Protein backbone atom coordinates (compact mmCIF):
# COMPACT_ATOMS: atom_id res chain seq x y z
CA MET A 1 -63.00 54.08 -9.96
CA ARG A 2 -60.05 52.08 -11.32
CA VAL A 3 -57.36 53.66 -13.84
CA ARG A 4 -54.67 51.78 -15.23
CA VAL A 5 -51.62 53.72 -16.42
CA PHE A 6 -49.45 52.30 -18.99
CA TYR A 7 -46.05 54.03 -19.27
CA HIS A 8 -42.60 53.83 -20.96
CA ASP A 9 -40.89 51.50 -18.52
CA LYS A 10 -37.16 51.62 -17.47
CA CYS A 11 -37.36 55.24 -18.63
CA PHE A 12 -37.24 58.31 -16.16
CA ASP A 13 -39.45 60.30 -18.52
CA GLY A 14 -41.83 57.58 -18.73
CA ALA A 15 -42.07 57.08 -14.73
CA CYS A 16 -42.24 61.03 -14.34
CA ALA A 17 -44.99 61.12 -16.83
CA ALA A 18 -46.98 58.54 -15.25
CA ALA A 19 -46.65 60.23 -11.88
CA LEU A 20 -47.54 63.65 -13.31
CA PHE A 21 -50.44 62.43 -14.96
CA CYS A 22 -52.01 60.69 -11.88
CA ARG A 23 -51.67 63.86 -9.89
CA PHE A 24 -53.22 65.72 -12.65
CA TYR A 25 -56.23 63.18 -12.91
CA ARG A 26 -56.64 63.11 -9.07
CA GLU A 27 -56.68 66.96 -8.87
CA ARG A 28 -58.64 67.91 -12.06
CA ILE A 29 -60.60 64.79 -13.34
CA ARG A 30 -61.81 62.88 -10.10
CA SER A 31 -60.38 62.23 -6.68
CA ASP A 32 -61.83 58.90 -5.73
CA VAL A 33 -59.43 56.68 -8.10
CA ASP A 34 -57.05 53.86 -7.48
CA PHE A 35 -54.21 53.76 -10.17
CA VAL A 36 -52.83 50.56 -11.34
CA TYR A 37 -49.39 51.06 -13.23
CA SER A 38 -48.27 48.95 -16.09
CA GLY A 39 -44.90 49.39 -17.75
CA LEU A 40 -44.41 49.19 -21.64
CA LEU A 41 -41.24 48.28 -23.25
CA HIS A 42 -40.55 48.36 -27.21
CA ARG A 43 -39.96 44.72 -28.34
CA ALA A 44 -40.28 42.87 -31.70
CA GLY A 45 -43.85 42.14 -32.38
CA ALA A 46 -46.99 43.33 -30.73
CA LEU A 47 -46.48 46.08 -28.20
CA PHE A 48 -49.84 45.80 -26.76
CA ASP A 49 -51.77 43.20 -25.10
CA GLU A 50 -55.36 44.31 -25.27
CA LYS A 51 -56.31 42.10 -22.12
CA GLN A 52 -54.40 44.33 -19.98
CA PHE A 53 -56.77 47.31 -20.99
CA ASP A 54 -59.08 46.36 -18.05
CA GLY A 55 -59.33 49.72 -16.15
CA ASP A 56 -62.53 51.86 -15.92
CA GLU A 57 -60.10 54.06 -17.77
CA ASN A 58 -57.01 53.38 -19.51
CA ALA A 59 -54.13 55.78 -20.01
CA ILE A 60 -50.93 55.45 -22.14
CA VAL A 61 -48.14 58.03 -21.47
CA ASP A 62 -44.75 58.28 -23.17
CA PHE A 63 -45.32 55.51 -25.52
CA LYS A 64 -46.99 54.59 -28.97
CA TYR A 65 -50.66 54.99 -29.87
CA SER A 66 -53.12 52.49 -29.41
CA SER A 67 -56.43 52.66 -31.52
CA SER A 68 -58.34 50.66 -28.97
CA PRO A 69 -61.76 52.16 -27.73
CA LYS A 70 -60.67 51.21 -24.55
CA ILE A 71 -57.83 53.55 -24.37
CA THR A 72 -59.32 56.68 -22.96
CA TRP A 73 -56.25 58.85 -22.51
CA TRP A 74 -52.89 59.23 -24.52
CA PHE A 75 -49.99 61.55 -24.22
CA ASP A 76 -46.65 61.21 -26.19
CA HIS A 77 -43.99 63.13 -27.75
CA HIS A 78 -41.91 60.70 -29.83
CA GLU A 79 -41.64 61.36 -33.30
CA SER A 80 -42.40 57.64 -34.16
CA ALA A 81 -45.71 57.75 -32.24
CA PHE A 82 -47.78 55.68 -34.47
CA LEU A 83 -47.39 52.13 -35.53
CA SER A 84 -49.16 52.47 -38.68
CA PRO A 85 -50.73 55.09 -40.98
CA ALA A 86 -54.09 53.88 -39.50
CA ASP A 87 -53.28 54.67 -36.19
CA ALA A 88 -52.33 58.12 -37.10
CA ALA A 89 -55.56 58.55 -38.88
CA HIS A 90 -57.38 57.21 -35.96
CA PHE A 91 -55.68 59.85 -33.63
CA GLU A 92 -56.46 62.47 -35.98
CA GLN A 93 -60.37 61.68 -35.98
CA ASP A 94 -60.38 61.55 -32.23
CA GLN A 95 -62.77 63.83 -30.80
CA SER A 96 -62.28 62.97 -26.97
CA ASN A 97 -60.00 65.96 -26.07
CA GLN A 98 -58.11 63.61 -24.03
CA LYS A 99 -55.41 62.20 -26.42
CA PHE A 100 -52.46 64.39 -27.21
CA TYR A 101 -49.58 64.52 -29.29
CA ASP A 102 -46.55 66.97 -29.93
CA PRO A 103 -42.84 65.73 -30.82
CA ALA A 104 -41.60 69.02 -30.30
CA PHE A 105 -41.56 68.75 -26.58
CA LYS A 106 -38.40 67.58 -24.73
CA SER A 107 -40.15 65.28 -22.56
CA CYS A 108 -43.61 63.72 -22.11
CA THR A 109 -43.79 64.98 -18.63
CA SER A 110 -43.35 68.68 -19.57
CA PHE A 111 -45.91 68.04 -22.57
CA ILE A 112 -48.55 66.66 -19.70
CA ALA A 113 -47.89 69.49 -17.66
CA MET A 114 -48.57 72.00 -20.38
CA ILE A 115 -51.68 70.37 -21.54
CA ALA A 116 -52.94 69.56 -17.94
CA LYS A 117 -52.43 73.51 -17.38
CA GLU A 118 -53.98 74.92 -20.26
CA ARG A 119 -56.83 72.52 -20.91
CA PHE A 120 -57.61 71.57 -17.43
CA GLY A 121 -56.47 74.18 -15.08
CA PHE A 122 -53.93 72.02 -13.37
CA ASP A 123 -51.25 73.97 -11.33
CA PRO A 124 -47.76 72.35 -12.19
CA SER A 125 -45.75 74.35 -9.99
CA PRO A 126 -45.50 71.95 -7.14
CA VAL A 127 -43.89 69.41 -9.57
CA ALA A 128 -41.59 71.97 -11.30
CA GLU A 129 -38.38 69.99 -10.20
CA LEU A 130 -40.05 67.10 -11.68
CA VAL A 131 -40.66 68.51 -14.96
CA ARG A 132 -37.44 70.37 -15.17
CA TRP A 133 -35.34 67.20 -14.73
CA ALA A 134 -37.77 65.28 -17.20
CA ASP A 135 -36.62 67.85 -19.84
CA ILE A 136 -32.82 67.52 -18.83
CA VAL A 137 -32.59 63.74 -18.87
CA ASP A 138 -35.02 63.00 -21.85
CA GLY A 139 -33.72 66.09 -23.86
CA ALA A 140 -30.14 65.35 -22.93
CA MET A 141 -29.85 68.94 -21.86
CA TYR A 142 -26.84 68.40 -19.64
CA ASP A 143 -24.16 71.05 -19.40
CA ASP A 144 -21.53 68.14 -20.66
CA ALA A 145 -20.89 64.62 -21.11
CA LYS A 146 -19.04 64.77 -17.45
CA SER A 147 -22.24 65.86 -15.67
CA ALA A 148 -24.41 63.07 -17.63
CA VAL A 149 -22.04 60.18 -16.60
CA GLU A 150 -20.76 61.13 -13.28
CA MET A 151 -24.20 60.79 -11.60
CA GLN A 152 -24.10 63.66 -9.02
CA ALA A 153 -27.76 65.10 -9.38
CA PRO A 154 -30.44 62.82 -7.55
CA ALA A 155 -32.28 62.94 -10.78
CA MET A 156 -29.34 61.02 -12.57
CA LYS A 157 -29.13 58.62 -9.57
CA LEU A 158 -32.98 57.80 -9.95
CA THR A 159 -32.57 57.68 -13.67
CA MET A 160 -29.92 54.92 -13.29
CA ALA A 161 -31.86 53.03 -10.75
CA ILE A 162 -35.11 52.97 -13.05
CA GLU A 163 -32.96 51.98 -16.13
CA ALA A 164 -31.15 49.18 -14.54
CA SER A 165 -33.36 47.73 -11.81
CA THR A 166 -34.54 44.22 -12.40
CA ASP A 167 -37.45 44.34 -10.01
CA ARG A 168 -40.70 44.52 -11.97
CA ASN A 169 -42.28 46.50 -9.02
CA PHE A 170 -39.55 48.98 -8.64
CA VAL A 171 -40.77 51.63 -10.95
CA LYS A 172 -44.31 51.16 -9.88
CA THR A 173 -43.51 51.93 -6.32
CA MET A 174 -41.71 54.87 -7.11
CA ILE A 175 -44.28 56.42 -9.46
CA PRO A 176 -46.60 57.73 -6.63
CA LEU A 177 -43.63 59.16 -4.79
CA LEU A 178 -42.38 60.97 -7.94
CA ALA A 179 -45.72 62.87 -8.27
CA TYR A 180 -45.42 64.35 -4.49
CA HIS A 181 -41.84 64.26 -3.16
CA PRO A 182 -38.35 65.97 -3.89
CA LEU A 183 -36.04 63.58 -5.89
CA ALA A 184 -33.57 63.99 -3.22
CA LYS A 185 -36.01 62.47 -0.51
CA ILE A 186 -36.85 59.59 -2.93
CA LEU A 187 -33.14 58.68 -2.94
CA GLU A 188 -33.40 58.05 1.09
CA GLU A 189 -36.41 55.53 0.48
CA PRO A 190 -34.99 52.07 1.59
CA PHE A 191 -36.28 50.31 -1.42
CA VAL A 192 -34.02 52.81 -3.60
CA ALA A 193 -30.98 53.52 -1.12
CA ALA A 194 -30.48 49.54 -1.11
CA ILE A 195 -29.89 49.16 -4.70
CA LEU A 196 -27.85 52.26 -5.32
CA PRO A 197 -24.48 51.19 -4.26
CA PRO A 198 -24.35 48.11 -6.48
CA LEU A 199 -25.73 50.01 -9.29
CA LEU A 200 -22.99 52.70 -8.82
CA ASP A 201 -20.43 49.82 -9.05
CA ARG A 202 -21.94 48.41 -12.12
CA HIS A 203 -21.85 51.78 -13.61
CA ARG A 204 -18.33 52.30 -13.02
CA ARG A 205 -17.62 48.73 -14.52
CA SER A 206 -19.48 49.82 -17.52
CA ILE A 207 -17.50 52.73 -18.18
CA ASP A 208 -14.45 50.50 -18.29
CA ILE A 209 -16.15 47.91 -20.67
CA LEU A 210 -17.37 50.32 -23.27
CA ARG A 211 -13.86 52.09 -23.10
CA GLU A 212 -12.57 48.51 -24.22
CA ARG A 213 -15.34 47.74 -26.62
CA SER A 214 -16.12 50.95 -28.39
CA THR A 215 -14.42 51.99 -31.70
CA GLU A 216 -14.74 55.39 -33.50
CA LYS A 217 -14.17 56.03 -37.06
CA ASP A 218 -15.93 59.04 -39.14
CA GLY A 219 -17.38 60.39 -36.19
CA THR A 220 -19.28 57.29 -35.36
CA ILE A 221 -18.93 55.07 -32.28
CA PHE A 222 -19.85 51.41 -32.60
CA PHE A 223 -19.79 48.68 -29.81
CA ASP A 224 -21.47 45.04 -29.29
CA ILE A 225 -21.94 44.16 -25.43
CA THR A 226 -24.54 41.50 -26.25
CA ASP A 227 -22.46 38.92 -24.54
CA LEU A 228 -22.96 40.85 -21.51
CA GLU A 229 -25.81 41.95 -19.00
CA LEU A 230 -25.47 45.56 -19.46
CA GLU A 231 -28.63 46.92 -21.55
CA GLY A 232 -29.35 49.59 -18.74
CA TYR A 233 -25.90 51.18 -19.35
CA ASN A 234 -25.80 54.94 -19.32
CA LYS A 235 -26.33 56.04 -22.92
CA PHE A 236 -23.87 58.98 -22.53
CA ILE A 237 -20.84 57.03 -21.72
CA PRO A 238 -19.84 56.51 -25.47
CA TYR A 239 -19.74 60.55 -25.66
CA TYR A 240 -17.82 60.72 -22.32
CA LEU A 241 -15.18 58.33 -23.78
CA HIS A 242 -15.13 59.67 -27.55
CA PRO A 243 -16.01 63.47 -27.17
CA ASP A 244 -15.17 64.28 -30.78
CA SER A 245 -18.07 61.81 -32.08
CA ILE A 246 -21.29 62.73 -33.78
CA TYR A 247 -23.06 59.25 -33.62
CA SER A 248 -23.19 56.15 -31.50
CA ILE A 249 -24.53 52.72 -32.44
CA GLY A 250 -24.73 50.08 -29.67
CA LEU A 251 -25.72 46.45 -29.45
CA SER A 252 -27.13 44.95 -26.26
CA LYS A 253 -29.18 41.92 -25.08
CA SER A 254 -31.52 41.35 -22.40
CA SER A 255 -33.96 38.33 -21.61
CA PHE A 256 -36.58 39.52 -24.08
CA ARG A 257 -34.81 41.53 -26.93
CA VAL A 258 -31.79 42.43 -28.77
CA LYS A 259 -31.44 46.09 -28.74
CA VAL A 260 -29.99 48.44 -31.46
CA SER A 261 -29.53 51.94 -29.75
CA VAL A 262 -28.98 54.69 -32.27
CA GLY A 263 -27.79 58.32 -30.66
CA SER A 264 -26.27 61.42 -31.48
CA ASN A 265 -23.69 63.37 -29.39
CA PRO A 266 -25.50 66.27 -27.76
CA TRP A 267 -22.24 68.22 -27.12
CA SER A 268 -20.83 67.49 -30.89
CA LYS A 269 -19.09 70.40 -32.34
CA ARG A 270 -20.41 69.00 -35.73
CA PRO A 271 -24.06 68.81 -35.47
CA PRO A 272 -25.77 65.54 -36.77
CA THR A 273 -27.71 65.89 -40.06
CA VAL A 274 -29.45 62.43 -40.14
CA ASN A 275 -32.87 61.92 -38.74
CA LEU A 276 -32.28 58.77 -36.63
CA ALA A 277 -35.86 58.10 -35.88
CA LYS A 278 -36.49 57.53 -39.89
CA ILE A 279 -33.49 55.26 -39.93
CA CYS A 280 -34.87 53.33 -36.78
CA GLU A 281 -38.49 53.24 -38.57
CA ARG A 282 -36.97 51.23 -41.59
CA TYR A 283 -36.13 48.26 -39.20
CA GLY A 284 -39.33 48.48 -37.02
CA GLY A 285 -38.15 50.61 -34.52
CA GLY A 286 -38.46 54.62 -33.98
CA GLY A 287 -37.77 57.23 -31.57
CA HIS A 288 -36.57 61.19 -32.02
CA ALA A 289 -34.53 62.78 -34.70
CA ARG A 290 -31.53 62.71 -32.45
CA VAL A 291 -32.04 59.27 -30.79
CA GLY A 292 -33.76 56.10 -31.39
CA ALA A 293 -33.78 52.21 -30.98
CA ILE A 294 -34.69 48.96 -32.54
CA SER A 295 -35.82 45.75 -30.86
CA PHE A 296 -35.34 42.60 -32.06
CA GLU A 297 -36.51 38.92 -30.97
CA VAL A 298 -33.76 37.34 -28.52
CA THR A 299 -33.44 34.93 -31.14
CA GLN A 300 -32.66 37.37 -33.99
CA GLY A 301 -28.88 38.30 -32.79
CA GLU A 302 -27.71 38.06 -36.33
CA ALA A 303 -30.37 40.23 -37.77
CA ALA A 304 -29.79 42.86 -35.35
CA HIS A 305 -26.01 42.97 -35.85
CA LYS A 306 -26.49 43.27 -39.54
CA ALA A 307 -28.72 46.41 -39.04
CA ALA A 308 -26.42 47.84 -36.67
CA LEU A 309 -23.51 47.47 -39.19
CA GLU A 310 -25.70 48.82 -41.89
CA ILE A 311 -26.67 51.97 -39.77
CA VAL A 312 -23.02 52.34 -38.74
CA GLU A 313 -21.70 52.34 -42.19
CA GLU A 314 -24.65 54.75 -43.35
CA LEU A 315 -23.87 57.32 -40.63
CA ARG A 316 -20.24 57.12 -41.28
CA ALA A 317 -20.68 57.77 -44.88
CA SER A 318 -23.03 60.54 -44.04
CA VAL A 319 -20.31 62.16 -41.97
CA ARG A 320 -17.68 61.79 -44.69
CA GLN A 321 -19.94 63.77 -47.13
CA GLN A 322 -19.99 66.49 -44.55
CA THR A 323 -16.33 67.00 -44.37
């Protein structure tokens, strides 16, 4: 039995969700199974290549819905989970009891743990550490910006490695370990330990770069690092540098996209009032109420920059109206 698992790539929760799904599947659905992992990234244009839906079963976790009949399992918690109203209607009509959605959950991992326990009798207690940290990382439930940026906890180092590694097999190698090993133990694996020192150096440099590049006005931070290879930067650095901010908009570039990242400060004394997922959806992106993103083709740098500046002005105007 071959099960292909599609997961949100370069994302701690995406990797943890894939790991937990596979453990649940092996324990409660069938044990004679080979898992094949495929990372998915938000990009301009088509998100899915249906030729890849080649497993005996195909699962998607922590990523948008596909109405393909070849997709047999789906779990997601993003507010912007559906590419179209037709996809949303398709999900509502599904009778398989194998496709689940709830945007109220902090992480897809904790959502899978709950569904697997309540619907299928799975015991999530052996993966309690994984579930707890997926909620902390994806739900930005750190005590303060300092703990989010200074990388002390094993989960934070793994998050940095997952988000910044350029090796396409890195996360695929890590997923089976996440399902059965303590996070601190995974840090000791040679393929992880080897990349941590240069990534920590890069992280420290990115703090200095964002200190130089970011500006805050009307509670809203803006920075453009499209001329640098920094897409996997720690998304909490802007709030670490500008603790009184409410929102952050960043432009970054990789080999396959220009990305507009839109977020809100989890520690702001002034709570955000704008649904960022709704803003991002207007430009073809999505996310959660408190954090979202938009992907443009690499040739669409001007369009990405224009969108970012429009969002900056919209959020700054909303803050001015609050005060």
